[in-house]
């Protein structure tokens, strides 16, 4: 079926401005804005007494200090995840480029693993509940995911499969065929929808009182949203499809889905006394 209508790719320069050798890119700005807004949202959550039923939680000052730990976890984990999961042969041959984040290439699953490690270390150092800190990070993470996927769209990367839907986009560098704007799908699913679901669970159902539940809900929700989006997204050219429709993104999301279910069940079954210990 021929395409009825195709959207031209918006002429947005990936570089916002340049001053000498310094260049501010939309991708970097997305990380900065996402981290700042996620931090502010976590502070708002811990200040809202009605969400906690007296449960001990981090203070706003604890979260101020955690921002640096979380940022390092996201950046280092995201980069190493990309190196190990998506292009190991190239970086094993060129190890000097493994940490060159300015060249592009970040993995959410790697950033997730890096953040998990940062949370464990910070919670241990401060004597905080690791599950409550996971819950707070999970509630706020969709904010950063939203801005990151919008930046992917601006960079004209991670585009979708060819299609004839009326909102198809012709991406520069992807040939003349109209494609799914899969980055926008991910921004909607992993960002907007997941944020609203977690907001409902935290505020309407007060599930911050069950440490670990919202962290599990985030892992499950992200895994499902990412797997759906992968059905419309073109996998990395040097990896392709692993088997049938299976992509690396789906494969890495499966443990998150299963782990998220297990964590929600475990958290829901804990008694209130256990949750406070």
C-alpha atoms as a PDB file:
ATOM      1  CA  UNK A   1       0.000   0.000   0.000  1.00  0.00           C
ATOM      2  CA  UNK A   2       1.544   3.373  -0.961  1.00  0.00           C
ATOM      3  CA  UNK A   3       2.195   5.977   1.706  1.00  0.00           C
ATOM      4  CA  UNK A   4      -0.591   8.567   1.865  1.00  0.00           C
ATOM      5  CA  UNK A   5       1.354  11.133   3.828  1.00  0.00           C
ATOM      6  CA  UNK A   6       4.980  11.362   4.957  1.00  0.00           C
ATOM      7  CA  UNK A   7       6.379  13.775   7.528  1.00  0.00           C
ATOM      8  CA  UNK A   8       9.640  15.486   6.596  1.00  0.00           C
ATOM      9  CA  UNK A   9      12.340  15.241   9.212  1.00  0.00           C
ATOM     10  CA  UNK A  10      12.504  18.543  11.151  1.00  0.00           C
ATOM     11  CA  UNK A  11      15.638  20.548  10.423  1.00  0.00           C
ATOM     12  CA  UNK A  12      17.056  20.581  13.956  1.00  0.00           C
ATOM     13  CA  UNK A  13      20.819  20.846  14.330  1.00  0.00           C
ATOM     14  CA  UNK A  14      22.068  18.272  16.895  1.00  0.00           C
ATOM     15  CA  UNK A  15      24.473  20.999  18.092  1.00  0.00           C
ATOM     16  CA  UNK A  16      22.694  23.797  19.971  1.00  0.00           C
ATOM     17  CA  UNK A  17      25.667  26.190  19.885  1.00  0.00           C
ATOM     18  CA  UNK A  18      29.437  26.142  19.613  1.00  0.00           C
ATOM     19  CA  UNK A  19      32.051  28.334  21.301  1.00  0.00           C
ATOM     20  CA  UNK A  20      35.508  27.453  20.042  1.00  0.00           C
ATOM     21  CA  UNK A  21      36.129  23.773  20.751  1.00  0.00           C
ATOM     22  CA  UNK A  22      33.096  23.562  23.070  1.00  0.00           C
ATOM     23  CA  UNK A  23      29.808  22.378  21.603  1.00  0.00           C
ATOM     24  CA  UNK A  24      26.560  21.887  23.518  1.00  0.00           C
ATOM     25  CA  UNK A  25      24.471  19.137  21.940  1.00  0.00           C
ATOM     26  CA  UNK A  26      20.822  18.295  22.437  1.00  0.00           C
ATOM     27  CA  UNK A  27      21.867  14.798  23.539  1.00  0.00           C
ATOM     28  CA  UNK A  28      23.996  16.168  26.387  1.00  0.00           C
ATOM     29  CA  UNK A  29      21.291  18.673  27.336  1.00  0.00           C
ATOM     30  CA  UNK A  30      18.750  15.830  27.496  1.00  0.00           C
ATOM     31  CA  UNK A  31      20.905  14.020  30.050  1.00  0.00           C
ATOM     32  CA  UNK A  32      21.398  17.193  32.105  1.00  0.00           C
ATOM     33  CA  UNK A  33      17.716  18.178  32.123  1.00  0.00           C
ATOM     34  CA  UNK A  34      16.577  14.602  32.729  1.00  0.00           C
ATOM     35  CA  UNK A  35      18.867  14.139  35.723  1.00  0.00           C
ATOM     36  CA  UNK A  36      17.960  17.514  37.255  1.00  0.00           C
ATOM     37  CA  UNK A  37      14.199  16.984  36.895  1.00  0.00           C
ATOM     38  CA  UNK A  38      14.431  13.396  38.173  1.00  0.00           C
ATOM     39  CA  UNK A  39      16.346  14.632  41.233  1.00  0.00           C
ATOM     40  CA  UNK A  40      13.771  17.344  41.915  1.00  0.00           C
ATOM     41  CA  UNK A  41      10.942  14.825  41.571  1.00  0.00           C
ATOM     42  CA  UNK A  42      12.591  12.432  44.036  1.00  0.00           C
ATOM     43  CA  UNK A  43      12.950  15.305  46.514  1.00  0.00           C
ATOM     44  CA  UNK A  44       9.239  16.099  46.115  1.00  0.00           C
ATOM     45  CA  UNK A  45       8.341  12.467  46.809  1.00  0.00           C
ATOM     46  CA  UNK A  46      10.294  12.246  50.063  1.00  0.00           C
ATOM     47  CA  UNK A  47       8.817  15.558  51.255  1.00  0.00           C
ATOM     48  CA  UNK A  48       5.257  14.259  50.819  1.00  0.00           C
ATOM     49  CA  UNK A  49       4.483  12.675  54.209  1.00  0.00           C
ATOM     50  CA  UNK A  50       1.123  11.236  53.167  1.00  0.00           C
ATOM     51  CA  UNK A  51       2.832   8.816  50.750  1.00  0.00           C
ATOM     52  CA  UNK A  52       4.900   7.043  53.387  1.00  0.00           C
ATOM     53  CA  UNK A  53       2.736   6.198  56.417  1.00  0.00           C
ATOM     54  CA  UNK A  54       5.682   6.868  58.707  1.00  0.00           C
ATOM     55  CA  UNK A  55       8.096   4.685  56.722  1.00  0.00           C
ATOM     56  CA  UNK A  56      11.706   5.788  56.990  1.00  0.00           C
ATOM     57  CA  UNK A  57      13.066   7.267  53.777  1.00  0.00           C
ATOM     58  CA  UNK A  58      16.037   9.309  52.529  1.00  0.00           C
ATOM     59  CA  UNK A  59      16.108  13.004  53.355  1.00  0.00           C
ATOM     60  CA  UNK A  60      16.257  15.667  50.633  1.00  0.00           C
ATOM     61  CA  UNK A  61      19.917  16.178  51.590  1.00  0.00           C
ATOM     62  CA  UNK A  62      20.583  12.461  51.031  1.00  0.00           C
ATOM     63  CA  UNK A  63      19.136  12.810  47.537  1.00  0.00           C
ATOM     64  CA  UNK A  64      21.243  15.904  46.860  1.00  0.00           C
ATOM     65  CA  UNK A  65      24.322  13.805  47.595  1.00  0.00           C
ATOM     66  CA  UNK A  66      23.047  10.829  45.606  1.00  0.00           C
ATOM     67  CA  UNK A  67      22.771  12.820  42.371  1.00  0.00           C
ATOM     68  CA  UNK A  68      26.509  12.580  41.705  1.00  0.00           C
ATOM     69  CA  UNK A  69      26.574   8.833  42.426  1.00  0.00           C
ATOM     70  CA  UNK A  70      23.600   8.239  40.154  1.00  0.00           C
ATOM     71  CA  UNK A  71      25.041  10.369  37.364  1.00  0.00           C
ATOM     72  CA  UNK A  72      28.285   8.407  37.348  1.00  0.00           C
ATOM     73  CA  UNK A  73      26.322   5.154  37.374  1.00  0.00           C
ATOM     74  CA  UNK A  74      24.218   6.240  34.397  1.00  0.00           C
ATOM     75  CA  UNK A  75      27.111   7.515  32.269  1.00  0.00           C
ATOM     76  CA  UNK A  76      29.744   4.874  33.037  1.00  0.00           C
ATOM     77  CA  UNK A  77      27.251   2.003  33.048  1.00  0.00           C
ATOM     78  CA  UNK A  78      25.514   3.250  29.915  1.00  0.00           C
ATOM     79  CA  UNK A  79      28.746   3.512  27.999  1.00  0.00           C
ATOM     80  CA  UNK A  80      30.202   0.194  29.170  1.00  0.00           C
ATOM     81  CA  UNK A  81      26.863  -1.475  28.465  1.00  0.00           C
ATOM     82  CA  UNK A  82      26.968  -0.232  24.883  1.00  0.00           C
ATOM     83  CA  UNK A  83      30.563  -1.434  24.505  1.00  0.00           C
ATOM     84  CA  UNK A  84      29.839  -4.912  25.909  1.00  0.00           C
ATOM     85  CA  UNK A  85      26.314  -5.536  24.596  1.00  0.00           C
ATOM     86  CA  UNK A  86      26.259  -3.856  21.208  1.00  0.00           C
ATOM     87  CA  UNK A  87      29.765  -3.567  19.716  1.00  0.00           C
ATOM     88  CA  UNK A  88      32.329  -5.555  21.759  1.00  0.00           C
ATOM     89  CA  UNK A  89      34.501  -6.638  18.831  1.00  0.00           C
ATOM     90  CA  UNK A  90      35.123  -3.049  17.717  1.00  0.00           C
ATOM     91  CA  UNK A  91      36.009  -1.776  21.186  1.00  0.00           C
ATOM     92  CA  UNK A  92      38.163  -4.774  22.023  1.00  0.00           C
ATOM     93  CA  UNK A  93      40.145  -3.840  18.917  1.00  0.00           C
ATOM     94  CA  UNK A  94      40.054  -0.129  19.863  1.00  0.00           C
ATOM     95  CA  UNK A  95      40.060  -0.050  23.705  1.00  0.00           C
ATOM     96  CA  UNK A  96      41.084   3.603  23.804  1.00  0.00           C
ATOM     97  CA  UNK A  97      37.630   4.558  22.483  1.00  0.00           C
ATOM     98  CA  UNK A  98      35.643   2.560  25.035  1.00  0.00           C
ATOM     99  CA  UNK A  99      34.986   5.549  27.320  1.00  0.00           C
ATOM    100  CA  UNK A 100      34.714   8.156  24.553  1.00  0.00           C
ATOM    101  CA  UNK A 101      31.081   8.998  25.367  1.00  0.00           C
ATOM    102  CA  UNK A 102      31.230  12.134  23.218  1.00  0.00           C
ATOM    103  CA  UNK A 103      31.371   9.940  20.085  1.00  0.00           C
ATOM    104  CA  UNK A 104      27.909   8.522  20.845  1.00  0.00           C
ATOM    105  CA  UNK A 105      26.716   5.100  21.903  1.00  0.00           C
ATOM    106  CA  UNK A 106      24.907   4.565  25.216  1.00  0.00           C
ATOM    107  CA  UNK A 107      22.920   1.563  26.453  1.00  0.00           C
ATOM    108  CA  UNK A 108      19.925   1.926  28.746  1.00  0.00           C
ATOM    109  CA  UNK A 109      20.457  -1.549  30.180  1.00  0.00           C
ATOM    110  CA  UNK A 110      24.070  -0.691  30.971  1.00  0.00           C
ATOM    111  CA  UNK A 111      22.998   2.579  32.569  1.00  0.00           C
ATOM    112  CA  UNK A 112      20.388   0.665  34.565  1.00  0.00           C
ATOM    113  CA  UNK A 113      23.059  -1.747  35.855  1.00  0.00           C
ATOM    114  CA  UNK A 114      25.355   1.164  36.706  1.00  0.00           C
ATOM    115  CA  UNK A 115      22.593   2.908  38.621  1.00  0.00           C
ATOM    116  CA  UNK A 116      21.770  -0.285  40.532  1.00  0.00           C
ATOM    117  CA  UNK A 117      25.394  -0.523  41.662  1.00  0.00           C
ATOM    118  CA  UNK A 118      25.435   3.171  42.631  1.00  0.00           C
ATOM    119  CA  UNK A 119      22.243   2.736  44.687  1.00  0.00           C
ATOM    120  CA  UNK A 120      23.606  -0.288  46.542  1.00  0.00           C
ATOM    121  CA  UNK A 121      26.847   1.508  47.391  1.00  0.00           C
ATOM    122  CA  UNK A 122      25.177   4.775  48.415  1.00  0.00           C
ATOM    123  CA  UNK A 123      22.501   3.055  50.521  1.00  0.00           C
ATOM    124  CA  UNK A 124      25.161   0.962  52.283  1.00  0.00           C
ATOM    125  CA  UNK A 125      27.313   4.024  52.951  1.00  0.00           C
ATOM    126  CA  UNK A 126      24.412   6.085  54.365  1.00  0.00           C
ATOM    127  CA  UNK A 127      22.571   3.265  56.141  1.00  0.00           C
ATOM    128  CA  UNK A 128      19.451   3.769  53.991  1.00  0.00           C
ATOM    129  CA  UNK A 129      16.875   1.267  52.748  1.00  0.00           C
ATOM    130  CA  UNK A 130      18.150   0.127  49.374  1.00  0.00           C
ATOM    131  CA  UNK A 131      14.635  -0.827  48.247  1.00  0.00           C
ATOM    132  CA  UNK A 132      13.198   2.587  49.058  1.00  0.00           C
ATOM    133  CA  UNK A 133      16.012   4.244  47.137  1.00  0.00           C
ATOM    134  CA  UNK A 134      15.311   1.898  44.215  1.00  0.00           C
ATOM    135  CA  UNK A 135      11.638   2.888  44.357  1.00  0.00           C
ATOM    136  CA  UNK A 136      12.466   6.590  44.247  1.00  0.00           C
ATOM    137  CA  UNK A 137      14.871   6.129  41.340  1.00  0.00           C
ATOM    138  CA  UNK A 138      12.320   4.013  39.467  1.00  0.00           C
ATOM    139  CA  UNK A 139       9.579   6.629  39.881  1.00  0.00           C
ATOM    140  CA  UNK A 140      11.866   9.350  38.513  1.00  0.00           C
ATOM    141  CA  UNK A 141      13.684   7.411  35.759  1.00  0.00           C
ATOM    142  CA  UNK A 142      10.948   7.835  33.095  1.00  0.00           C
ATOM    143  CA  UNK A 143      11.638  11.578  33.122  1.00  0.00           C
ATOM    144  CA  UNK A 144      15.197  11.032  31.920  1.00  0.00           C
ATOM    145  CA  UNK A 145      14.097   8.338  29.478  1.00  0.00           C
ATOM    146  CA  UNK A 146      11.633  10.741  27.862  1.00  0.00           C
ATOM    147  CA  UNK A 147      14.238  13.423  27.214  1.00  0.00           C
ATOM    148  CA  UNK A 148      16.802  10.853  26.078  1.00  0.00           C
ATOM    149  CA  UNK A 149      14.469   9.438  23.427  1.00  0.00           C
ATOM    150  CA  UNK A 150      13.566  12.907  22.184  1.00  0.00           C
ATOM    151  CA  UNK A 151      17.301  13.555  21.792  1.00  0.00           C
ATOM    152  CA  UNK A 152      17.597  10.299  19.812  1.00  0.00           C
ATOM    153  CA  UNK A 153      14.944  11.648  17.457  1.00  0.00           C
ATOM    154  CA  UNK A 154      16.721  15.001  17.060  1.00  0.00           C
ATOM    155  CA  UNK A 155      19.958  13.133  16.311  1.00  0.00           C
ATOM    156  CA  UNK A 156      18.115  11.084  13.649  1.00  0.00           C
ATOM    157  CA  UNK A 157      19.370   7.836  15.217  1.00  0.00           C
ATOM    158  CA  UNK A 158      17.728   4.566  16.281  1.00  0.00           C
ATOM    159  CA  UNK A 159      15.066   5.045  13.626  1.00  0.00           C
ATOM    160  CA  UNK A 160      12.206   2.661  12.935  1.00  0.00           C
ATOM    161  CA  UNK A 161      11.344   0.131  10.265  1.00  0.00           C
ATOM    162  CA  UNK A 162       9.850   1.129   6.930  1.00  0.00           C
ATOM    163  CA  UNK A 163       6.111   1.717   7.005  1.00  0.00           C
ATOM    164  CA  UNK A 164       3.196   3.361   5.227  1.00  0.00           C
ATOM    165  CA  UNK A 165       1.522   4.879   8.313  1.00  0.00           C
ATOM    166  CA  UNK A 166       0.557   8.529   7.778  1.00  0.00           C
ATOM    167  CA  UNK A 167       2.950   9.734  10.488  1.00  0.00           C
ATOM    168  CA  UNK A 168       5.971   8.045   8.891  1.00  0.00           C
ATOM    169  CA  UNK A 169       9.185  10.083   8.764  1.00  0.00           C
ATOM    170  CA  UNK A 170      12.006  10.091   6.219  1.00  0.00           C
ATOM    171  CA  UNK A 171      15.166  10.208   8.338  1.00  0.00           C
ATOM    172  CA  UNK A 172      18.414  11.658   6.974  1.00  0.00           C
ATOM    173  CA  UNK A 173      20.950   8.892   6.534  1.00  0.00           C
ATOM    174  CA  UNK A 174      18.295   6.161   6.502  1.00  0.00           C
ATOM    175  CA  UNK A 175      17.500   6.238   2.799  1.00  0.00           C
ATOM    176  CA  UNK A 176      14.394   7.553   1.027  1.00  0.00           C
ATOM    177  CA  UNK A 177      11.952   5.132   2.659  1.00  0.00           C
ATOM    178  CA  UNK A 178       9.449   6.468   5.221  1.00  0.00           C
ATOM    179  CA  UNK A 179       9.953   4.917   8.650  1.00  0.00           C
ATOM    180  CA  UNK A 180       8.309   4.598  12.033  1.00  0.00           C
ATOM    181  CA  UNK A 181       9.473   7.375  14.393  1.00  0.00           C
ATOM    182  CA  UNK A 182      10.345   4.671  16.920  1.00  0.00           C
ATOM    183  CA  UNK A 183      12.164   7.156  19.159  1.00  0.00           C
ATOM    184  CA  UNK A 184       8.842   8.965  19.711  1.00  0.00           C
ATOM    185  CA  UNK A 185       7.132   5.645  20.459  1.00  0.00           C
ATOM    186  CA  UNK A 186       9.774   4.960  23.112  1.00  0.00           C
ATOM    187  CA  UNK A 187       9.489   8.475  24.547  1.00  0.00           C
ATOM    188  CA  UNK A 188       5.743   7.879  24.919  1.00  0.00           C
ATOM    189  CA  UNK A 189       5.913   4.323  26.314  1.00  0.00           C
ATOM    190  CA  UNK A 190       9.079   4.461  28.449  1.00  0.00           C
ATOM    191  CA  UNK A 191       8.620   8.107  29.396  1.00  0.00           C
ATOM    192  CA  UNK A 192       5.065   9.434  29.542  1.00  0.00           C
ATOM    193  CA  UNK A 193       3.022   6.247  30.011  1.00  0.00           C
ATOM    194  CA  UNK A 194       5.425   4.635  32.483  1.00  0.00           C
ATOM    195  CA  UNK A 195       5.702   7.858  34.517  1.00  0.00           C
ATOM    196  CA  UNK A 196       1.911   8.150  34.778  1.00  0.00           C
ATOM    197  CA  UNK A 197       1.508   4.491  35.789  1.00  0.00           C
ATOM    198  CA  UNK A 198       4.148   4.837  38.518  1.00  0.00           C
ATOM    199  CA  UNK A 199       2.622   8.129  39.628  1.00  0.00           C
ATOM    200  CA  UNK A 200      -0.754   6.373  39.995  1.00  0.00           C
ATOM    201  CA  UNK A 201       0.820   3.521  41.985  1.00  0.00           C
ATOM    202  CA  UNK A 202       2.734   5.870  44.288  1.00  0.00           C
ATOM    203  CA  UNK A 203       0.034   8.481  44.901  1.00  0.00           C
ATOM    204  CA  UNK A 204      -3.296   6.678  44.466  1.00  0.00           C
ATOM    205  CA  UNK A 205      -2.343   3.246  45.814  1.00  0.00           C
ATOM    206  CA  UNK A 206       0.411   4.469  48.203  1.00  0.00           C
ATOM    207  CA  UNK A 207       2.815   1.715  47.163  1.00  0.00           C
ATOM    208  CA  UNK A 208       5.871   3.574  48.398  1.00  0.00           C
ATOM    209  CA  UNK A 209       4.775   1.952  51.666  1.00  0.00           C
ATOM    210  CA  UNK A 210       5.813  -1.406  50.131  1.00  0.00           C
ATOM    211  CA  UNK A 211       9.571  -0.957  49.534  1.00  0.00           C
ATOM    212  CA  UNK A 212      10.664  -2.602  46.311  1.00  0.00           C
ATOM    213  CA  UNK A 213       7.253  -2.703  44.626  1.00  0.00           C
ATOM    214  CA  UNK A 214       7.658   0.421  42.531  1.00  0.00           C
ATOM    215  CA  UNK A 215      11.192  -0.579  41.558  1.00  0.00           C
ATOM    216  CA  UNK A 216       9.731  -3.841  40.278  1.00  0.00           C
ATOM    217  CA  UNK A 217       6.928  -1.984  38.511  1.00  0.00           C
ATOM    218  CA  UNK A 218       9.473   0.220  36.782  1.00  0.00           C
ATOM    219  CA  UNK A 219      11.598  -2.742  35.651  1.00  0.00           C
ATOM    220  CA  UNK A 220       8.520  -4.580  34.378  1.00  0.00           C
ATOM    221  CA  UNK A 221       7.021  -1.509  32.701  1.00  0.00           C
ATOM    222  CA  UNK A 222      10.244  -0.518  31.006  1.00  0.00           C
ATOM    223  CA  UNK A 223      10.863  -4.056  29.770  1.00  0.00           C
ATOM    224  CA  UNK A 224       7.390  -4.290  28.264  1.00  0.00           C
ATOM    225  CA  UNK A 225       7.498  -0.806  26.724  1.00  0.00           C
ATOM    226  CA  UNK A 226      10.952  -1.348  25.247  1.00  0.00           C
ATOM    227  CA  UNK A 227       9.979  -4.755  23.841  1.00  0.00           C
ATOM    228  CA  UNK A 228       6.913  -3.254  22.136  1.00  0.00           C
ATOM    229  CA  UNK A 229       8.986  -0.421  20.670  1.00  0.00           C
ATOM    230  CA  UNK A 230      11.591  -2.915  19.413  1.00  0.00           C
ATOM    231  CA  UNK A 231       8.936  -4.368  17.104  1.00  0.00           C
ATOM    232  CA  UNK A 232       9.001  -1.059  15.192  1.00  0.00           C
ATOM    233  CA  UNK A 233      12.683  -0.157  15.548  1.00  0.00           C
ATOM    234  CA  UNK A 234      15.540  -1.198  13.282  1.00  0.00           C
ATOM    235  CA  UNK A 235      18.158  -3.108  15.300  1.00  0.00           C
ATOM    236  CA  UNK A 236      21.808  -2.035  15.186  1.00  0.00           C
ATOM    237  CA  UNK A 237      23.210  -2.911  11.748  1.00  0.00           C
ATOM    238  CA  UNK A 238      26.210  -4.800  13.135  1.00  0.00           C
ATOM    239  CA  UNK A 239      23.932  -7.006  15.295  1.00  0.00           C
ATOM    240  CA  UNK A 240      20.685  -7.347  13.361  1.00  0.00           C
ATOM    241  CA  UNK A 241      18.006  -9.793  14.462  1.00  0.00           C
ATOM    242  CA  UNK A 242      19.163 -12.519  16.821  1.00  0.00           C
ATOM    243  CA  UNK A 243      16.395 -14.932  15.814  1.00  0.00           C
ATOM    244  CA  UNK A 244      13.157 -14.142  14.025  1.00  0.00           C
ATOM    245  CA  UNK A 245      11.868 -10.885  15.525  1.00  0.00           C
ATOM    246  CA  UNK A 246      14.176 -11.169  18.577  1.00  0.00           C
ATOM    247  CA  UNK A 247      16.547  -8.214  18.965  1.00  0.00           C
ATOM    248  CA  UNK A 248      19.220  -7.450  21.530  1.00  0.00           C
ATOM    249  CA  UNK A 249      16.896  -4.865  23.089  1.00  0.00           C
ATOM    250  CA  UNK A 250      14.174  -7.475  23.639  1.00  0.00           C
ATOM    251  CA  UNK A 251      16.673 -10.038  24.936  1.00  0.00           C
ATOM    252  CA  UNK A 252      18.042  -7.588  27.517  1.00  0.00           C
ATOM    253  CA  UNK A 253      14.517  -6.555  28.529  1.00  0.00           C
ATOM    254  CA  UNK A 254      13.315 -10.072  29.324  1.00  0.00           C
ATOM    255  CA  UNK A 255      15.250 -10.318  32.622  1.00  0.00           C
ATOM    256  CA  UNK A 256      13.829  -6.916  33.609  1.00  0.00           C
ATOM    257  CA  UNK A 257      10.270  -8.129  32.967  1.00  0.00           C
ATOM    258  CA  UNK A 258      10.732 -11.353  34.922  1.00  0.00           C
ATOM    259  CA  UNK A 259      12.735  -9.682  37.698  1.00  0.00           C
ATOM    260  CA  UNK A 260      10.159  -6.904  37.942  1.00  0.00           C
ATOM    261  CA  UNK A 261       7.313  -9.383  38.398  1.00  0.00           C
ATOM    262  CA  UNK A 262       9.258 -11.301  41.057  1.00  0.00           C
ATOM    263  CA  UNK A 263      10.128  -8.098  42.924  1.00  0.00           C
ATOM    264  CA  UNK A 264       6.531  -6.838  42.916  1.00  0.00           C
ATOM    265  CA  UNK A 265       5.263 -10.175  44.264  1.00  0.00           C
ATOM    266  CA  UNK A 266       7.965 -10.239  46.952  1.00  0.00           C
ATOM    267  CA  UNK A 267       7.312  -6.631  48.010  1.00  0.00           C
ATOM    268  CA  UNK A 268       3.530  -7.117  48.097  1.00  0.00           C
ATOM    269  CA  UNK A 269       3.848 -10.169  50.349  1.00  0.00           C
ATOM    270  CA  UNK A 270       6.123  -8.531  52.922  1.00  0.00           C
ATOM    271  CA  UNK A 271       4.450  -7.502  56.129  1.00  0.00           C
ATOM    272  CA  UNK A 272       4.479  -3.847  57.177  1.00  0.00           C
ATOM    273  CA  UNK A 273       6.832  -4.734  60.040  1.00  0.00           C
ATOM    274  CA  UNK A 274       9.319  -6.364  57.672  1.00  0.00           C
ATOM    275  CA  UNK A 275       9.150  -3.348  55.340  1.00  0.00           C
ATOM    276  CA  UNK A 276      10.182  -1.046  58.175  1.00  0.00           C
ATOM    277  CA  UNK A 277      13.256  -3.119  59.093  1.00  0.00           C
END
